[in-house]
């Protein structure tokens, strides 16, 4: 798992650096009329924040397949140790899933509002 994570983190760092360099090069090729419609805050935001978000998405993409597998294995191990109580715990986790999704949705809205304010610099 650690070797895989190291490779994924390295790939994310390469993508982050490449994307920042490409955005910078593109901003240098913009004509004066095109630059008039784009603030320096927007260009800096694309270089820093958007590239960082893409890197984080790549770093955590493996969670989509790995997390359910890890949860299943953990529940099976707990079932062997605790019996039916492990199923009750897993049911509690599933019951709280909508609350977690709602919290993540609110956090996403706050992040988008923060990004909008960062663009107006």
Foldseek 3Di string as FASTA:
>chain_A
DVVVLVVLLVVLVVQLVVQLVVLVVVVVPDDPVRVVVADVLNSVCSNPVVSVVSSVCSSCVCCVPVVVVVVVVVLVVCCVVPNCVSVVVVVVVVVCVVVVVVVVVVVVVVVVVVSVVSRVD
